[in-house]
């Protein structure tokens, strides 16, 4: 019996969509998403952003509702004060959180990444929307970046990055409000810099970090930095909720050609018309038709894009 070589059918797992063969960065230009799930994500993001920016101002009996003051070793969770003597409670809380993350992922997959994670919410629901507003959709952004620098391009880039850095400053101030308290942050902002050199430097550092993350690193945080994405592969089980392509229904994929799908000797095509929109809207640049991948954050943008196409061609939705 001849031993035939095993052909690797999953070469896409040997590399990531944002890095080329030479190790260079492939910049992702996701198409502006739309649809039912995107609308729901927008509503969820509004609520979570309101909670994030409003929580530092919430006080109970004169104390912040949440405070993580590492410098003074003072922690307040839901108006309950914890001191270094309560370290054992902190350890138990961290263990409980880890177990919760594991169980949550086993059941719901990476829905946290696409719907709740601050990185995704700020990137897709704040910074990306501003980019669409200033520079246009994906193809317009590509053309703008390839065009030579002129007055119009300079104004657009300057406006975008000024707004980006301004929002990064707001995020940094909010972050510091959870560390040193909103009252102290207001003092740092309102009083002369000479009175709060350390606080000003910290604010500047955090602002620069947030600006760099959302203006340049972007999806690389989810792919290469965040450990949760790496853990996903070992936490998922067959019963987990994931965003996945219905391979049996969609394959073999092919363009719609009237009166040619059932030619003699040609296998009938599946429902996937190979339009590629599911890839174009993906914020991490993957092809969901290849199966579950660590880069997928379950944002459901591909579901909206595919459902819209299925409705247009008169086929059932839910291919993804």
C-alpha atoms as a PDB file:
ATOM      1  CA  UNK A   1       0.000   0.000   0.000  1.00  0.00           C
ATOM      2  CA  UNK A   2       1.428   3.332  -1.074  1.00  0.00           C
ATOM      3  CA  UNK A   3       1.750   5.956   1.623  1.00  0.00           C
ATOM      4  CA  UNK A   4       0.399   9.171   0.138  1.00  0.00           C
ATOM      5  CA  UNK A   5       1.674  12.478   1.562  1.00  0.00           C
ATOM      6  CA  UNK A   6      -0.730  14.358   3.779  1.00  0.00           C
ATOM      7  CA  UNK A   7      -1.555  17.714   2.250  1.00  0.00           C
ATOM      8  CA  UNK A   8      -2.003  20.519   4.742  1.00  0.00           C
ATOM      9  CA  UNK A   9      -5.395  22.065   4.080  1.00  0.00           C
ATOM     10  CA  UNK A  10      -5.044  24.721   6.779  1.00  0.00           C
ATOM     11  CA  UNK A  11      -2.047  26.746   5.649  1.00  0.00           C
ATOM     12  CA  UNK A  12      -3.873  29.886   6.777  1.00  0.00           C
ATOM     13  CA  UNK A  13      -3.064  28.874  10.367  1.00  0.00           C
ATOM     14  CA  UNK A  14       0.668  29.220   9.695  1.00  0.00           C
ATOM     15  CA  UNK A  15       0.457  33.007   9.512  1.00  0.00           C
ATOM     16  CA  UNK A  16      -1.794  35.882  10.483  1.00  0.00           C
ATOM     17  CA  UNK A  17      -3.654  38.170   8.114  1.00  0.00           C
ATOM     18  CA  UNK A  18      -1.890  41.334   9.272  1.00  0.00           C
ATOM     19  CA  UNK A  19       1.693  40.195   8.568  1.00  0.00           C
ATOM     20  CA  UNK A  20       3.181  39.494   5.130  1.00  0.00           C
ATOM     21  CA  UNK A  21       5.731  36.823   4.204  1.00  0.00           C
ATOM     22  CA  UNK A  22       8.626  39.132   5.072  1.00  0.00           C
ATOM     23  CA  UNK A  23       7.227  39.981   8.490  1.00  0.00           C
ATOM     24  CA  UNK A  24       5.982  43.435   7.523  1.00  0.00           C
ATOM     25  CA  UNK A  25       2.723  44.926   8.768  1.00  0.00           C
ATOM     26  CA  UNK A  26      -0.307  44.626   6.502  1.00  0.00           C
ATOM     27  CA  UNK A  27      -2.528  47.581   7.332  1.00  0.00           C
ATOM     28  CA  UNK A  28      -6.173  46.578   7.679  1.00  0.00           C
ATOM     29  CA  UNK A  29      -8.849  48.726   6.047  1.00  0.00           C
ATOM     30  CA  UNK A  30     -12.135  47.195   7.219  1.00  0.00           C
ATOM     31  CA  UNK A  31     -15.206  48.173   5.249  1.00  0.00           C
ATOM     32  CA  UNK A  32     -17.755  50.137   7.269  1.00  0.00           C
ATOM     33  CA  UNK A  33     -20.151  47.556   8.737  1.00  0.00           C
ATOM     34  CA  UNK A  34     -23.899  47.823   8.950  1.00  0.00           C
ATOM     35  CA  UNK A  35     -26.754  45.567   9.937  1.00  0.00           C
ATOM     36  CA  UNK A  36     -28.710  44.217  12.869  1.00  0.00           C
ATOM     37  CA  UNK A  37     -25.825  43.055  15.023  1.00  0.00           C
ATOM     38  CA  UNK A  38     -23.800  46.207  14.372  1.00  0.00           C
ATOM     39  CA  UNK A  39     -26.763  48.268  15.538  1.00  0.00           C
ATOM     40  CA  UNK A  40     -27.017  46.192  18.732  1.00  0.00           C
ATOM     41  CA  UNK A  41     -23.277  46.542  19.319  1.00  0.00           C
ATOM     42  CA  UNK A  42     -23.612  50.313  18.953  1.00  0.00           C
ATOM     43  CA  UNK A  43     -26.322  50.429  21.619  1.00  0.00           C
ATOM     44  CA  UNK A  44     -24.258  48.244  23.959  1.00  0.00           C
ATOM     45  CA  UNK A  45     -21.211  50.462  23.425  1.00  0.00           C
ATOM     46  CA  UNK A  46     -23.209  53.577  24.365  1.00  0.00           C
ATOM     47  CA  UNK A  47     -24.212  52.005  27.661  1.00  0.00           C
ATOM     48  CA  UNK A  48     -20.714  50.766  28.480  1.00  0.00           C
ATOM     49  CA  UNK A  49     -19.065  54.070  27.564  1.00  0.00           C
ATOM     50  CA  UNK A  50     -21.547  55.928  29.762  1.00  0.00           C
ATOM     51  CA  UNK A  51     -20.707  53.579  32.645  1.00  0.00           C
ATOM     52  CA  UNK A  52     -16.951  53.908  32.073  1.00  0.00           C
ATOM     53  CA  UNK A  53     -16.906  57.712  31.989  1.00  0.00           C
ATOM     54  CA  UNK A  54     -19.611  58.190  34.611  1.00  0.00           C
ATOM     55  CA  UNK A  55     -18.458  55.715  37.269  1.00  0.00           C
ATOM     56  CA  UNK A  56     -15.586  57.870  38.657  1.00  0.00           C
ATOM     57  CA  UNK A  57     -18.118  60.573  39.578  1.00  0.00           C
ATOM     58  CA  UNK A  58     -20.299  58.128  41.505  1.00  0.00           C
ATOM     59  CA  UNK A  59     -19.679  58.333  45.245  1.00  0.00           C
ATOM     60  CA  UNK A  60     -21.148  56.646  48.306  1.00  0.00           C
ATOM     61  CA  UNK A  61     -20.724  58.385  51.678  1.00  0.00           C
ATOM     62  CA  UNK A  62     -18.093  60.651  50.176  1.00  0.00           C
ATOM     63  CA  UNK A  63     -15.971  57.752  48.864  1.00  0.00           C
ATOM     64  CA  UNK A  64     -15.669  56.676  45.221  1.00  0.00           C
ATOM     65  CA  UNK A  65     -17.796  53.717  44.200  1.00  0.00           C
ATOM     66  CA  UNK A  66     -14.706  52.191  42.532  1.00  0.00           C
ATOM     67  CA  UNK A  67     -11.066  53.036  43.250  1.00  0.00           C
ATOM     68  CA  UNK A  68      -7.834  51.172  42.576  1.00  0.00           C
ATOM     69  CA  UNK A  69      -5.245  53.408  44.221  1.00  0.00           C
ATOM     70  CA  UNK A  70      -2.080  51.325  44.008  1.00  0.00           C
ATOM     71  CA  UNK A  71       0.102  54.207  45.204  1.00  0.00           C
ATOM     72  CA  UNK A  72      -1.702  54.554  48.529  1.00  0.00           C
ATOM     73  CA  UNK A  73      -2.662  50.858  48.658  1.00  0.00           C
ATOM     74  CA  UNK A  74      -6.323  51.736  48.935  1.00  0.00           C
ATOM     75  CA  UNK A  75      -8.931  49.827  46.993  1.00  0.00           C
ATOM     76  CA  UNK A  76     -12.659  50.430  46.924  1.00  0.00           C
ATOM     77  CA  UNK A  77     -14.977  47.950  45.241  1.00  0.00           C
ATOM     78  CA  UNK A  78     -18.657  48.840  45.128  1.00  0.00           C
ATOM     79  CA  UNK A  79     -18.156  51.330  48.006  1.00  0.00           C
ATOM     80  CA  UNK A  80     -16.428  48.690  50.196  1.00  0.00           C
ATOM     81  CA  UNK A  81     -12.899  49.704  51.290  1.00  0.00           C
ATOM     82  CA  UNK A  82     -10.103  47.128  51.096  1.00  0.00           C
ATOM     83  CA  UNK A  83      -6.643  47.614  52.611  1.00  0.00           C
ATOM     84  CA  UNK A  84      -3.387  45.620  52.308  1.00  0.00           C
ATOM     85  CA  UNK A  85      -4.581  43.521  55.263  1.00  0.00           C
ATOM     86  CA  UNK A  86      -7.354  42.224  52.993  1.00  0.00           C
ATOM     87  CA  UNK A  87      -4.925  40.770  50.475  1.00  0.00           C
ATOM     88  CA  UNK A  88      -6.345  37.275  50.950  1.00  0.00           C
ATOM     89  CA  UNK A  89      -9.743  38.551  49.832  1.00  0.00           C
ATOM     90  CA  UNK A  90      -8.126  40.058  46.750  1.00  0.00           C
ATOM     91  CA  UNK A  91      -6.493  36.718  45.931  1.00  0.00           C
ATOM     92  CA  UNK A  92      -9.830  34.931  46.280  1.00  0.00           C
ATOM     93  CA  UNK A  93     -11.466  37.545  44.080  1.00  0.00           C
ATOM     94  CA  UNK A  94      -8.823  37.047  41.382  1.00  0.00           C
ATOM     95  CA  UNK A  95      -9.242  33.272  41.481  1.00  0.00           C
ATOM     96  CA  UNK A  96     -13.000  33.685  41.210  1.00  0.00           C
ATOM     97  CA  UNK A  97     -12.539  36.038  38.275  1.00  0.00           C
ATOM     98  CA  UNK A  98     -10.271  33.563  36.474  1.00  0.00           C
ATOM     99  CA  UNK A  99     -12.783  30.747  36.935  1.00  0.00           C
ATOM    100  CA  UNK A 100     -15.559  33.034  35.707  1.00  0.00           C
ATOM    101  CA  UNK A 101     -13.553  33.967  32.581  1.00  0.00           C
ATOM    102  CA  UNK A 102     -12.928  30.298  31.785  1.00  0.00           C
ATOM    103  CA  UNK A 103     -16.567  29.293  32.277  1.00  0.00           C
ATOM    104  CA  UNK A 104     -17.841  32.354  30.416  1.00  0.00           C
ATOM    105  CA  UNK A 105     -15.620  31.569  27.428  1.00  0.00           C
ATOM    106  CA  UNK A 106     -16.616  27.901  27.434  1.00  0.00           C
ATOM    107  CA  UNK A 107     -20.265  28.917  27.135  1.00  0.00           C
ATOM    108  CA  UNK A 108     -20.244  32.203  25.186  1.00  0.00           C
ATOM    109  CA  UNK A 109     -16.939  32.035  23.301  1.00  0.00           C
ATOM    110  CA  UNK A 110     -15.246  35.376  22.680  1.00  0.00           C
ATOM    111  CA  UNK A 111     -18.361  37.513  22.787  1.00  0.00           C
ATOM    112  CA  UNK A 112     -16.599  39.599  25.452  1.00  0.00           C
ATOM    113  CA  UNK A 113     -13.900  40.557  22.936  1.00  0.00           C
ATOM    114  CA  UNK A 114     -16.289  41.775  20.276  1.00  0.00           C
ATOM    115  CA  UNK A 115     -19.019  43.316  22.409  1.00  0.00           C
ATOM    116  CA  UNK A 116     -17.650  44.342  25.836  1.00  0.00           C
ATOM    117  CA  UNK A 117     -13.853  44.715  25.698  1.00  0.00           C
ATOM    118  CA  UNK A 118     -12.823  48.412  26.000  1.00  0.00           C
ATOM    119  CA  UNK A 119     -10.208  47.939  23.282  1.00  0.00           C
ATOM    120  CA  UNK A 120     -12.826  46.830  20.749  1.00  0.00           C
ATOM    121  CA  UNK A 121     -15.444  49.360  21.833  1.00  0.00           C
ATOM    122  CA  UNK A 122     -13.084  52.333  21.574  1.00  0.00           C
ATOM    123  CA  UNK A 123     -11.501  51.084  18.350  1.00  0.00           C
ATOM    124  CA  UNK A 124     -14.640  50.136  16.440  1.00  0.00           C
ATOM    125  CA  UNK A 125     -17.257  52.403  17.970  1.00  0.00           C
ATOM    126  CA  UNK A 126     -15.237  55.577  18.544  1.00  0.00           C
ATOM    127  CA  UNK A 127     -11.952  55.854  16.652  1.00  0.00           C
ATOM    128  CA  UNK A 128     -13.029  53.875  13.583  1.00  0.00           C
ATOM    129  CA  UNK A 129     -16.252  55.914  13.257  1.00  0.00           C
ATOM    130  CA  UNK A 130     -14.227  59.132  13.370  1.00  0.00           C
ATOM    131  CA  UNK A 131     -11.939  57.732  10.684  1.00  0.00           C
ATOM    132  CA  UNK A 132     -14.912  56.866   8.460  1.00  0.00           C
ATOM    133  CA  UNK A 133     -16.292  60.368   8.985  1.00  0.00           C
ATOM    134  CA  UNK A 134     -13.042  62.140   8.058  1.00  0.00           C
ATOM    135  CA  UNK A 135     -11.399  59.834   5.509  1.00  0.00           C
ATOM    136  CA  UNK A 136     -14.339  57.818   4.160  1.00  0.00           C
ATOM    137  CA  UNK A 137     -14.834  54.084   3.779  1.00  0.00           C
ATOM    138  CA  UNK A 138     -12.112  51.475   3.239  1.00  0.00           C
ATOM    139  CA  UNK A 139     -11.401  52.168  -0.452  1.00  0.00           C
ATOM    140  CA  UNK A 140     -11.308  55.928   0.127  1.00  0.00           C
ATOM    141  CA  UNK A 141      -8.827  55.446   2.975  1.00  0.00           C
ATOM    142  CA  UNK A 142      -6.584  53.319   0.748  1.00  0.00           C
ATOM    143  CA  UNK A 143      -6.598  55.946  -1.987  1.00  0.00           C
ATOM    144  CA  UNK A 144      -5.922  58.713   0.511  1.00  0.00           C
ATOM    145  CA  UNK A 145      -2.929  56.913   2.044  1.00  0.00           C
ATOM    146  CA  UNK A 146      -1.465  56.152  -1.390  1.00  0.00           C
ATOM    147  CA  UNK A 147      -1.946  59.710  -2.648  1.00  0.00           C
ATOM    148  CA  UNK A 148       0.917  62.216  -2.405  1.00  0.00           C
ATOM    149  CA  UNK A 149       0.796  64.641   0.475  1.00  0.00           C
ATOM    150  CA  UNK A 150      -1.121  67.771  -0.457  1.00  0.00           C
ATOM    151  CA  UNK A 151      -3.200  70.320   1.408  1.00  0.00           C
ATOM    152  CA  UNK A 152      -6.366  68.219   1.473  1.00  0.00           C
ATOM    153  CA  UNK A 153      -4.625  65.083   2.706  1.00  0.00           C
ATOM    154  CA  UNK A 154      -2.644  67.038   5.310  1.00  0.00           C
ATOM    155  CA  UNK A 155      -5.800  68.654   6.703  1.00  0.00           C
ATOM    156  CA  UNK A 156      -7.618  65.322   6.961  1.00  0.00           C
ATOM    157  CA  UNK A 157      -4.698  63.566   8.631  1.00  0.00           C
ATOM    158  CA  UNK A 158      -4.091  66.462  11.011  1.00  0.00           C
ATOM    159  CA  UNK A 159      -7.766  66.683  11.986  1.00  0.00           C
ATOM    160  CA  UNK A 160      -7.989  62.925  12.540  1.00  0.00           C
ATOM    161  CA  UNK A 161      -4.905  62.678  14.719  1.00  0.00           C
ATOM    162  CA  UNK A 162      -5.767  65.797  16.735  1.00  0.00           C
ATOM    163  CA  UNK A 163      -9.164  64.271  17.532  1.00  0.00           C
ATOM    164  CA  UNK A 164      -7.545  60.887  18.222  1.00  0.00           C
ATOM    165  CA  UNK A 165      -5.082  62.382  20.702  1.00  0.00           C
ATOM    166  CA  UNK A 166      -7.803  64.477  22.344  1.00  0.00           C
ATOM    167  CA  UNK A 167      -9.889  61.358  22.952  1.00  0.00           C
ATOM    168  CA  UNK A 168      -6.771  59.556  24.204  1.00  0.00           C
ATOM    169  CA  UNK A 169      -6.296  62.370  26.757  1.00  0.00           C
ATOM    170  CA  UNK A 170      -9.900  61.934  27.880  1.00  0.00           C
ATOM    171  CA  UNK A 171      -9.403  58.173  28.244  1.00  0.00           C
ATOM    172  CA  UNK A 172      -6.170  58.723  30.180  1.00  0.00           C
ATOM    173  CA  UNK A 173      -7.878  61.139  32.575  1.00  0.00           C
ATOM    174  CA  UNK A 174     -10.692  58.641  33.088  1.00  0.00           C
ATOM    175  CA  UNK A 175      -8.187  55.860  33.703  1.00  0.00           C
ATOM    176  CA  UNK A 176      -6.372  57.984  36.288  1.00  0.00           C
ATOM    177  CA  UNK A 177      -9.711  58.770  37.925  1.00  0.00           C
ATOM    178  CA  UNK A 178     -10.011  55.099  38.782  1.00  0.00           C
ATOM    179  CA  UNK A 179      -6.477  55.130  40.247  1.00  0.00           C
ATOM    180  CA  UNK A 180      -6.176  58.399  42.171  1.00  0.00           C
ATOM    181  CA  UNK A 181      -9.801  59.578  42.231  1.00  0.00           C
ATOM    182  CA  UNK A 182     -11.669  62.051  40.066  1.00  0.00           C
ATOM    183  CA  UNK A 183     -11.159  64.933  42.526  1.00  0.00           C
ATOM    184  CA  UNK A 184      -7.391  64.625  42.293  1.00  0.00           C
ATOM    185  CA  UNK A 185      -7.554  64.452  38.504  1.00  0.00           C
ATOM    186  CA  UNK A 186      -9.638  67.638  38.406  1.00  0.00           C
ATOM    187  CA  UNK A 187      -7.010  69.355  40.572  1.00  0.00           C
ATOM    188  CA  UNK A 188      -4.211  68.246  38.243  1.00  0.00           C
ATOM    189  CA  UNK A 189      -6.118  69.557  35.220  1.00  0.00           C
ATOM    190  CA  UNK A 190      -7.264  72.851  36.745  1.00  0.00           C
ATOM    191  CA  UNK A 191      -4.203  73.898  38.736  1.00  0.00           C
ATOM    192  CA  UNK A 192      -0.808  74.974  37.348  1.00  0.00           C
ATOM    193  CA  UNK A 193       1.367  72.174  35.970  1.00  0.00           C
ATOM    194  CA  UNK A 194       4.187  73.121  38.341  1.00  0.00           C
ATOM    195  CA  UNK A 195       2.054  71.986  41.272  1.00  0.00           C
ATOM    196  CA  UNK A 196       1.466  68.512  39.845  1.00  0.00           C
ATOM    197  CA  UNK A 197       4.484  67.579  37.745  1.00  0.00           C
ATOM    198  CA  UNK A 198       4.192  63.872  38.545  1.00  0.00           C
ATOM    199  CA  UNK A 199       0.480  63.749  37.781  1.00  0.00           C
ATOM    200  CA  UNK A 200       0.935  65.681  34.538  1.00  0.00           C
ATOM    201  CA  UNK A 201       3.730  63.358  33.370  1.00  0.00           C
ATOM    202  CA  UNK A 202       1.617  60.297  34.196  1.00  0.00           C
ATOM    203  CA  UNK A 203      -1.310  61.744  32.275  1.00  0.00           C
ATOM    204  CA  UNK A 204       0.905  62.512  29.298  1.00  0.00           C
ATOM    205  CA  UNK A 205       2.379  58.998  29.287  1.00  0.00           C
ATOM    206  CA  UNK A 206      -1.037  57.313  29.466  1.00  0.00           C
ATOM    207  CA  UNK A 207      -2.403  59.626  26.769  1.00  0.00           C
ATOM    208  CA  UNK A 208       0.492  58.758  24.456  1.00  0.00           C
ATOM    209  CA  UNK A 209       0.028  55.032  25.092  1.00  0.00           C
ATOM    210  CA  UNK A 210      -3.711  55.148  24.369  1.00  0.00           C
ATOM    211  CA  UNK A 211      -3.109  57.254  21.273  1.00  0.00           C
ATOM    212  CA  UNK A 212      -0.520  54.796  19.992  1.00  0.00           C
ATOM    213  CA  UNK A 213      -2.811  51.829  20.647  1.00  0.00           C
ATOM    214  CA  UNK A 214      -5.837  53.206  18.810  1.00  0.00           C
ATOM    215  CA  UNK A 215      -4.071  55.145  16.066  1.00  0.00           C
ATOM    216  CA  UNK A 216      -1.355  52.622  15.158  1.00  0.00           C
ATOM    217  CA  UNK A 217      -1.381  49.277  16.971  1.00  0.00           C
ATOM    218  CA  UNK A 218      -5.110  48.696  16.629  1.00  0.00           C
ATOM    219  CA  UNK A 219      -5.952  45.019  15.982  1.00  0.00           C
ATOM    220  CA  UNK A 220      -2.394  44.005  16.903  1.00  0.00           C
ATOM    221  CA  UNK A 221      -3.383  44.427  20.556  1.00  0.00           C
ATOM    222  CA  UNK A 222      -5.995  41.674  20.163  1.00  0.00           C
ATOM    223  CA  UNK A 223      -3.790  39.449  18.023  1.00  0.00           C
ATOM    224  CA  UNK A 224      -0.333  39.770  19.565  1.00  0.00           C
ATOM    225  CA  UNK A 225      -0.669  41.413  22.995  1.00  0.00           C
ATOM    226  CA  UNK A 226      -3.868  40.269  24.693  1.00  0.00           C
ATOM    227  CA  UNK A 227      -3.400  36.856  26.363  1.00  0.00           C
ATOM    228  CA  UNK A 228      -7.127  36.133  26.256  1.00  0.00           C
ATOM    229  CA  UNK A 229      -7.032  35.647  22.487  1.00  0.00           C
ATOM    230  CA  UNK A 230      -4.255  33.094  22.860  1.00  0.00           C
ATOM    231  CA  UNK A 231      -6.185  31.226  25.544  1.00  0.00           C
ATOM    232  CA  UNK A 232      -9.299  31.033  23.413  1.00  0.00           C
ATOM    233  CA  UNK A 233      -8.147  27.957  21.528  1.00  0.00           C
ATOM    234  CA  UNK A 234      -7.918  25.818  24.661  1.00  0.00           C
ATOM    235  CA  UNK A 235     -11.048  27.201  26.324  1.00  0.00           C
ATOM    236  CA  UNK A 236     -13.547  26.594  23.537  1.00  0.00           C
ATOM    237  CA  UNK A 237     -15.558  23.391  23.388  1.00  0.00           C
ATOM    238  CA  UNK A 238     -17.915  22.091  20.646  1.00  0.00           C
ATOM    239  CA  UNK A 239     -20.875  23.582  22.531  1.00  0.00           C
ATOM    240  CA  UNK A 240     -19.386  27.103  22.790  1.00  0.00           C
ATOM    241  CA  UNK A 241     -21.123  29.967  21.007  1.00  0.00           C
ATOM    242  CA  UNK A 242     -18.847  31.087  18.188  1.00  0.00           C
ATOM    243  CA  UNK A 243     -19.083  32.958  14.913  1.00  0.00           C
ATOM    244  CA  UNK A 244     -18.612  30.308  12.258  1.00  0.00           C
ATOM    245  CA  UNK A 245     -19.239  29.746   8.556  1.00  0.00           C
ATOM    246  CA  UNK A 246     -21.680  26.985   7.546  1.00  0.00           C
ATOM    247  CA  UNK A 247     -19.261  25.075   5.349  1.00  0.00           C
ATOM    248  CA  UNK A 248     -21.725  22.339   4.372  1.00  0.00           C
ATOM    249  CA  UNK A 249     -24.255  24.848   3.110  1.00  0.00           C
ATOM    250  CA  UNK A 250     -21.842  27.329   1.567  1.00  0.00           C
ATOM    251  CA  UNK A 251     -19.440  25.053  -0.328  1.00  0.00           C
ATOM    252  CA  UNK A 252     -18.480  24.809  -3.060  1.00  0.00           C
ATOM    253  CA  UNK A 253     -18.570  28.569  -3.289  1.00  0.00           C
ATOM    254  CA  UNK A 254     -18.783  30.406  -6.574  1.00  0.00           C
ATOM    255  CA  UNK A 255     -20.100  33.458  -8.365  1.00  0.00           C
ATOM    256  CA  UNK A 256     -23.722  33.488  -9.479  1.00  0.00           C
ATOM    257  CA  UNK A 257     -24.028  32.717 -13.182  1.00  0.00           C
ATOM    258  CA  UNK A 258     -27.529  32.372 -14.471  1.00  0.00           C
ATOM    259  CA  UNK A 259     -28.315  29.019 -16.108  1.00  0.00           C
ATOM    260  CA  UNK A 260     -24.758  27.793 -15.500  1.00  0.00           C
ATOM    261  CA  UNK A 261     -24.875  26.402 -11.983  1.00  0.00           C
ATOM    262  CA  UNK A 262     -26.224  23.045 -13.123  1.00  0.00           C
ATOM    263  CA  UNK A 263     -24.375  22.476 -16.331  1.00  0.00           C
ATOM    264  CA  UNK A 264     -23.619  18.900 -17.249  1.00  0.00           C
ATOM    265  CA  UNK A 265     -20.664  17.595 -15.249  1.00  0.00           C
ATOM    266  CA  UNK A 266     -20.579  20.624 -12.955  1.00  0.00           C
ATOM    267  CA  UNK A 267     -21.446  20.210  -9.290  1.00  0.00           C
ATOM    268  CA  UNK A 268     -24.163  22.496  -7.999  1.00  0.00           C
ATOM    269  CA  UNK A 269     -22.677  25.434  -6.136  1.00  0.00           C
ATOM    270  CA  UNK A 270     -23.336  26.209  -2.482  1.00  0.00           C
ATOM    271  CA  UNK A 271     -24.951  29.362  -1.137  1.00  0.00           C
ATOM    272  CA  UNK A 272     -21.676  31.299  -0.738  1.00  0.00           C
ATOM    273  CA  UNK A 273     -21.314  33.503  -3.827  1.00  0.00           C
ATOM    274  CA  UNK A 274     -17.687  34.318  -2.940  1.00  0.00           C
ATOM    275  CA  UNK A 275     -18.311  38.066  -2.774  1.00  0.00           C
ATOM    276  CA  UNK A 276     -15.616  38.499  -0.108  1.00  0.00           C
ATOM    277  CA  UNK A 277     -17.583  41.033   1.938  1.00  0.00           C
ATOM    278  CA  UNK A 278     -17.172  38.933   5.094  1.00  0.00           C
ATOM    279  CA  UNK A 279     -13.412  39.422   4.738  1.00  0.00           C
ATOM    280  CA  UNK A 280     -13.666  43.102   3.840  1.00  0.00           C
ATOM    281  CA  UNK A 281     -15.601  44.038   6.999  1.00  0.00           C
ATOM    282  CA  UNK A 282     -13.442  41.980   9.374  1.00  0.00           C
ATOM    283  CA  UNK A 283     -11.479  44.291  11.727  1.00  0.00           C
ATOM    284  CA  UNK A 284      -8.678  41.710  12.025  1.00  0.00           C
ATOM    285  CA  UNK A 285      -8.547  40.811   8.330  1.00  0.00           C
ATOM    286  CA  UNK A 286      -9.367  37.100   8.556  1.00  0.00           C
ATOM    287  CA  UNK A 287     -11.504  34.944   6.287  1.00  0.00           C
ATOM    288  CA  UNK A 288     -14.153  33.431   8.552  1.00  0.00           C
ATOM    289  CA  UNK A 289     -14.778  30.758   5.911  1.00  0.00           C
ATOM    290  CA  UNK A 290     -11.497  29.144   6.967  1.00  0.00           C
ATOM    291  CA  UNK A 291     -12.945  28.238  10.350  1.00  0.00           C
ATOM    292  CA  UNK A 292     -12.358  29.359  13.939  1.00  0.00           C
ATOM    293  CA  UNK A 293      -9.180  31.427  14.265  1.00  0.00           C
ATOM    294  CA  UNK A 294      -7.487  33.135  17.191  1.00  0.00           C
ATOM    295  CA  UNK A 295      -7.793  36.519  15.448  1.00  0.00           C
ATOM    296  CA  UNK A 296     -11.615  36.333  15.430  1.00  0.00           C
ATOM    297  CA  UNK A 297     -13.109  38.509  18.172  1.00  0.00           C
ATOM    298  CA  UNK A 298     -16.734  37.491  17.499  1.00  0.00           C
ATOM    299  CA  UNK A 299     -17.711  41.027  16.515  1.00  0.00           C
ATOM    300  CA  UNK A 300     -20.388  39.595  14.138  1.00  0.00           C
ATOM    301  CA  UNK A 301     -19.576  42.119  11.382  1.00  0.00           C
ATOM    302  CA  UNK A 302     -19.218  39.241   8.912  1.00  0.00           C
ATOM    303  CA  UNK A 303     -22.686  37.963   9.867  1.00  0.00           C
ATOM    304  CA  UNK A 304     -24.265  41.314   9.010  1.00  0.00           C
ATOM    305  CA  UNK A 305     -22.390  41.536   5.708  1.00  0.00           C
ATOM    306  CA  UNK A 306     -23.279  37.982   4.681  1.00  0.00           C
ATOM    307  CA  UNK A 307     -26.943  38.271   5.700  1.00  0.00           C
ATOM    308  CA  UNK A 308     -27.288  41.429   3.614  1.00  0.00           C
ATOM    309  CA  UNK A 309     -25.900  39.633   0.559  1.00  0.00           C
ATOM    310  CA  UNK A 310     -28.087  36.559   1.118  1.00  0.00           C
ATOM    311  CA  UNK A 311     -31.180  38.767   1.225  1.00  0.00           C
ATOM    312  CA  UNK A 312     -30.175  40.447  -2.018  1.00  0.00           C
ATOM    313  CA  UNK A 313     -29.698  37.147  -3.896  1.00  0.00           C
ATOM    314  CA  UNK A 314     -32.825  35.600  -2.424  1.00  0.00           C
ATOM    315  CA  UNK A 315     -31.182  32.967  -0.231  1.00  0.00           C
ATOM    316  CA  UNK A 316     -31.700  32.201   3.469  1.00  0.00           C
ATOM    317  CA  UNK A 317     -29.690  34.229   5.955  1.00  0.00           C
ATOM    318  CA  UNK A 318     -27.483  32.589   8.571  1.00  0.00           C
ATOM    319  CA  UNK A 319     -24.740  31.291   6.296  1.00  0.00           C
ATOM    320  CA  UNK A 320     -22.366  32.684   8.924  1.00  0.00           C
END
